[in-house]
Amino acid sequence: MQITVNGELQETKGATVLELLQELDIDPRRIAIELNLEILPKMEYEKTRLKSGDRIEIVHFVGGGASCINTADTTRGATDA
């Protein structure tokens, strides 16, 4: 069947969302799924059947972060006159 995954047409043999994720080798614990503009709860992945023409967005969660830099401190290095 033909579906759209993250904006790209794709052929799949997966009958359910979980089977599609397995086909794509994606860990379902680290993503969120939007199916036809609706967020799909993880507990629904196994029983939600795909249909030709479905639109799926897969959002991957990435850990990490950046150190905080305070750019508002304009007095650093300044001398009083």
N, C-alpha and C. Protein backbone atom coordinates (compact mmCIF):
# COMPACT_ATOMS: atom_id res chain seq x y z
N MET A 1 0.85 -1.17 0.00
CA MET A 1 0.00 0.00 0.00
C MET A 1 0.89 1.23 0.00
N GLN A 2 0.36 2.33 -0.50
CA GLN A 2 1.14 3.56 -0.57
C GLN A 2 0.65 4.55 0.49
N ILE A 3 1.59 5.03 1.30
CA ILE A 3 1.31 6.02 2.34
C ILE A 3 2.35 7.13 2.23
N THR A 4 2.14 8.20 2.95
CA THR A 4 3.11 9.29 3.00
C THR A 4 3.72 9.31 4.39
N VAL A 5 5.05 9.19 4.45
CA VAL A 5 5.77 9.20 5.72
C VAL A 5 6.71 10.40 5.71
N ASN A 6 6.50 11.30 6.65
CA ASN A 6 7.31 12.52 6.75
C ASN A 6 7.43 13.24 5.40
N GLY A 7 6.29 13.33 4.71
CA GLY A 7 6.23 14.07 3.46
C GLY A 7 6.67 13.32 2.22
N GLU A 8 7.08 12.06 2.35
CA GLU A 8 7.55 11.29 1.20
C GLU A 8 6.66 10.08 0.97
N LEU A 9 6.26 9.87 -0.30
CA LEU A 9 5.48 8.68 -0.63
C LEU A 9 6.31 7.44 -0.39
N GLN A 10 5.66 6.42 0.15
CA GLN A 10 6.38 5.20 0.50
C GLN A 10 5.45 4.01 0.35
N GLU A 11 5.99 2.91 -0.16
CA GLU A 11 5.27 1.64 -0.20
C GLU A 11 5.55 0.90 1.09
N THR A 12 4.53 0.29 1.67
CA THR A 12 4.72 -0.48 2.89
C THR A 12 3.90 -1.75 2.85
N LYS A 13 4.41 -2.77 3.51
CA LYS A 13 3.66 -4.00 3.71
C LYS A 13 3.09 -4.04 5.12
N GLY A 14 3.49 -3.07 5.94
CA GLY A 14 3.02 -3.01 7.33
C GLY A 14 1.53 -2.74 7.39
N ALA A 15 0.80 -3.58 8.07
CA ALA A 15 -0.65 -3.41 8.19
C ALA A 15 -1.01 -2.48 9.34
N THR A 16 -0.14 -2.37 10.34
CA THR A 16 -0.39 -1.50 11.48
C THR A 16 0.75 -0.49 11.61
N VAL A 17 0.53 0.51 12.44
CA VAL A 17 1.58 1.50 12.69
C VAL A 17 2.81 0.82 13.27
N LEU A 18 2.63 -0.10 14.22
CA LEU A 18 3.77 -0.80 14.82
C LEU A 18 4.54 -1.60 13.77
N GLU A 19 3.84 -2.27 12.87
CA GLU A 19 4.51 -3.03 11.81
C GLU A 19 5.29 -2.11 10.87
N LEU A 20 4.75 -0.93 10.59
CA LEU A 20 5.48 0.04 9.78
C LEU A 20 6.77 0.45 10.48
N LEU A 21 6.69 0.73 11.78
CA LEU A 21 7.88 1.12 12.53
C LEU A 21 8.92 0.01 12.53
N GLN A 22 8.48 -1.23 12.65
CA GLN A 22 9.41 -2.36 12.59
C GLN A 22 10.05 -2.45 11.21
N GLU A 23 9.25 -2.24 10.17
CA GLU A 23 9.76 -2.26 8.80
C GLU A 23 10.82 -1.18 8.59
N LEU A 24 10.61 -0.02 9.21
CA LEU A 24 11.55 1.10 9.09
C LEU A 24 12.68 1.04 10.10
N ASP A 25 12.68 0.01 10.97
CA ASP A 25 13.68 -0.17 12.02
C ASP A 25 13.73 1.04 12.95
N ILE A 26 12.54 1.46 13.40
CA ILE A 26 12.41 2.60 14.31
C ILE A 26 11.91 2.11 15.66
N ASP A 27 12.60 2.52 16.72
CA ASP A 27 12.22 2.16 18.09
C ASP A 27 10.99 2.98 18.50
N PRO A 28 9.85 2.35 18.73
CA PRO A 28 8.64 3.11 19.06
C PRO A 28 8.70 3.84 20.40
N ARG A 29 9.67 3.52 21.25
CA ARG A 29 9.77 4.19 22.55
C ARG A 29 10.34 5.59 22.44
N ARG A 30 10.97 5.92 21.32
CA ARG A 30 11.67 7.20 21.20
C ARG A 30 11.06 8.13 20.15
N ILE A 31 9.79 7.93 19.85
CA ILE A 31 9.15 8.75 18.81
C ILE A 31 7.74 9.13 19.22
N ALA A 32 7.17 10.03 18.45
CA ALA A 32 5.74 10.34 18.51
C ALA A 32 5.23 10.21 17.08
N ILE A 33 3.98 9.77 16.95
CA ILE A 33 3.37 9.56 15.64
C ILE A 33 2.17 10.48 15.49
N GLU A 34 2.11 11.13 14.34
CA GLU A 34 0.92 11.86 13.94
C GLU A 34 0.36 11.13 12.73
N LEU A 35 -0.88 10.69 12.82
CA LEU A 35 -1.53 9.96 11.73
C LEU A 35 -2.71 10.79 11.25
N ASN A 36 -2.62 11.25 10.01
CA ASN A 36 -3.69 12.07 9.42
C ASN A 36 -4.06 13.25 10.32
N LEU A 37 -3.02 13.96 10.77
CA LEU A 37 -3.14 15.19 11.57
C LEU A 37 -3.62 14.97 13.00
N GLU A 38 -3.61 13.73 13.48
CA GLU A 38 -3.99 13.42 14.86
C GLU A 38 -2.84 12.71 15.55
N ILE A 39 -2.49 13.15 16.77
CA ILE A 39 -1.46 12.47 17.55
C ILE A 39 -2.00 11.10 17.94
N LEU A 40 -1.18 10.07 17.72
CA LEU A 40 -1.59 8.70 18.02
C LEU A 40 -0.91 8.25 19.31
N PRO A 41 -1.69 7.89 20.34
CA PRO A 41 -1.08 7.40 21.58
C PRO A 41 -0.29 6.11 21.33
N LYS A 42 0.82 5.94 22.03
CA LYS A 42 1.68 4.76 21.85
C LYS A 42 0.91 3.46 22.02
N MET A 43 -0.05 3.43 22.93
CA MET A 43 -0.79 2.19 23.16
C MET A 43 -1.67 1.82 21.97
N GLU A 44 -1.81 2.73 21.00
CA GLU A 44 -2.63 2.46 19.81
C GLU A 44 -1.80 1.98 18.62
N TYR A 45 -0.46 2.03 18.71
CA TYR A 45 0.38 1.68 17.56
C TYR A 45 0.10 0.26 17.05
N GLU A 46 -0.07 -0.68 17.97
CA GLU A 46 -0.21 -2.08 17.58
C GLU A 46 -1.56 -2.37 16.93
N LYS A 47 -2.60 -1.66 17.33
CA LYS A 47 -3.93 -1.98 16.80
C LYS A 47 -4.44 -1.01 15.73
N THR A 48 -3.68 0.07 15.46
CA THR A 48 -4.12 1.02 14.44
C THR A 48 -3.68 0.54 13.07
N ARG A 49 -4.67 0.22 12.23
CA ARG A 49 -4.40 -0.30 10.89
C ARG A 49 -4.18 0.86 9.92
N LEU A 50 -3.20 0.68 9.06
CA LEU A 50 -2.91 1.68 8.04
C LEU A 50 -3.80 1.45 6.83
N LYS A 51 -4.10 2.57 6.14
CA LYS A 51 -4.87 2.51 4.90
C LYS A 51 -4.10 3.25 3.82
N SER A 52 -4.26 2.82 2.59
CA SER A 52 -3.62 3.50 1.48
C SER A 52 -4.01 4.98 1.51
N GLY A 53 -3.03 5.85 1.36
CA GLY A 53 -3.28 7.29 1.39
C GLY A 53 -3.07 7.93 2.74
N ASP A 54 -2.85 7.13 3.79
CA ASP A 54 -2.60 7.70 5.12
C ASP A 54 -1.36 8.60 5.09
N ARG A 55 -1.39 9.63 5.92
CA ARG A 55 -0.26 10.55 6.06
C ARG A 55 0.28 10.42 7.49
N ILE A 56 1.55 10.05 7.58
CA ILE A 56 2.18 9.80 8.88
C ILE A 56 3.38 10.72 9.05
N GLU A 57 3.46 11.34 10.20
CA GLU A 57 4.64 12.11 10.57
C GLU A 57 5.26 11.40 11.77
N ILE A 58 6.55 11.12 11.68
CA ILE A 58 7.28 10.46 12.76
C ILE A 58 8.25 11.48 13.33
N VAL A 59 8.08 11.79 14.61
CA VAL A 59 8.94 12.77 15.28
C VAL A 59 9.86 12.02 16.23
N HIS A 60 11.17 12.18 16.02
CA HIS A 60 12.17 11.52 16.86
C HIS A 60 12.56 12.45 18.00
N PHE A 61 12.68 11.88 19.19
CA PHE A 61 13.13 12.64 20.35
C PHE A 61 14.64 12.52 20.44
N VAL A 62 15.29 13.64 20.70
CA VAL A 62 16.74 13.67 20.80
C VAL A 62 17.11 14.22 22.17
N GLY A 63 17.96 13.50 22.87
CA GLY A 63 18.40 13.96 24.18
C GLY A 63 19.52 14.97 24.06
N GLY A 64 19.84 15.57 25.15
CA GLY A 64 20.95 16.51 25.15
C GLY A 64 20.47 17.92 25.44
N GLY A 65 21.33 18.84 25.19
CA GLY A 65 21.00 20.24 25.43
C GLY A 65 22.23 21.09 25.23
N ALA A 66 22.08 22.34 25.48
CA ALA A 66 23.19 23.27 25.31
C ALA A 66 23.47 23.95 26.64
N SER A 67 24.70 24.34 26.82
CA SER A 67 25.01 25.09 28.03
C SER A 67 24.41 26.48 27.90
N CYS A 68 24.08 27.04 29.01
CA CYS A 68 23.44 28.35 29.03
C CYS A 68 24.52 29.43 29.01
N ILE A 69 24.37 30.33 28.09
CA ILE A 69 25.29 31.46 28.01
C ILE A 69 24.49 32.72 28.27
N ASN A 70 24.92 33.49 29.24
CA ASN A 70 24.21 34.71 29.59
C ASN A 70 24.76 35.85 28.75
N THR A 71 24.03 36.24 27.72
CA THR A 71 24.47 37.33 26.86
C THR A 71 23.97 38.67 27.37
N ALA A 72 23.14 38.65 28.41
CA ALA A 72 22.58 39.89 28.94
C ALA A 72 23.57 40.61 29.86
N ASP A 73 24.61 39.93 30.31
CA ASP A 73 25.57 40.53 31.23
C ASP A 73 26.56 41.38 30.45
N THR A 74 26.28 42.67 30.35
CA THR A 74 27.15 43.57 29.59
C THR A 74 28.20 44.23 30.46
N THR A 75 28.19 43.93 31.77
CA THR A 75 29.14 44.57 32.67
C THR A 75 30.42 43.78 32.82
N ARG A 76 30.44 42.56 32.30
CA ARG A 76 31.63 41.73 32.47
C ARG A 76 32.83 42.41 31.78
N GLY A 77 33.88 42.60 32.51
CA GLY A 77 35.10 43.18 31.95
C GLY A 77 35.07 44.70 31.88
N ALA A 78 33.96 45.31 32.27
CA ALA A 78 33.88 46.77 32.21
C ALA A 78 34.48 47.35 33.48
N THR A 79 35.00 48.54 33.37
CA THR A 79 35.56 49.22 34.54
C THR A 79 34.73 50.44 34.85
N ASP A 80 34.64 50.76 36.13
CA ASP A 80 33.90 51.96 36.52
C ASP A 80 34.80 53.17 36.33
N ALA A 81 34.21 54.25 35.85
CA ALA A 81 34.99 55.47 35.64
C ALA A 81 34.88 56.38 36.82
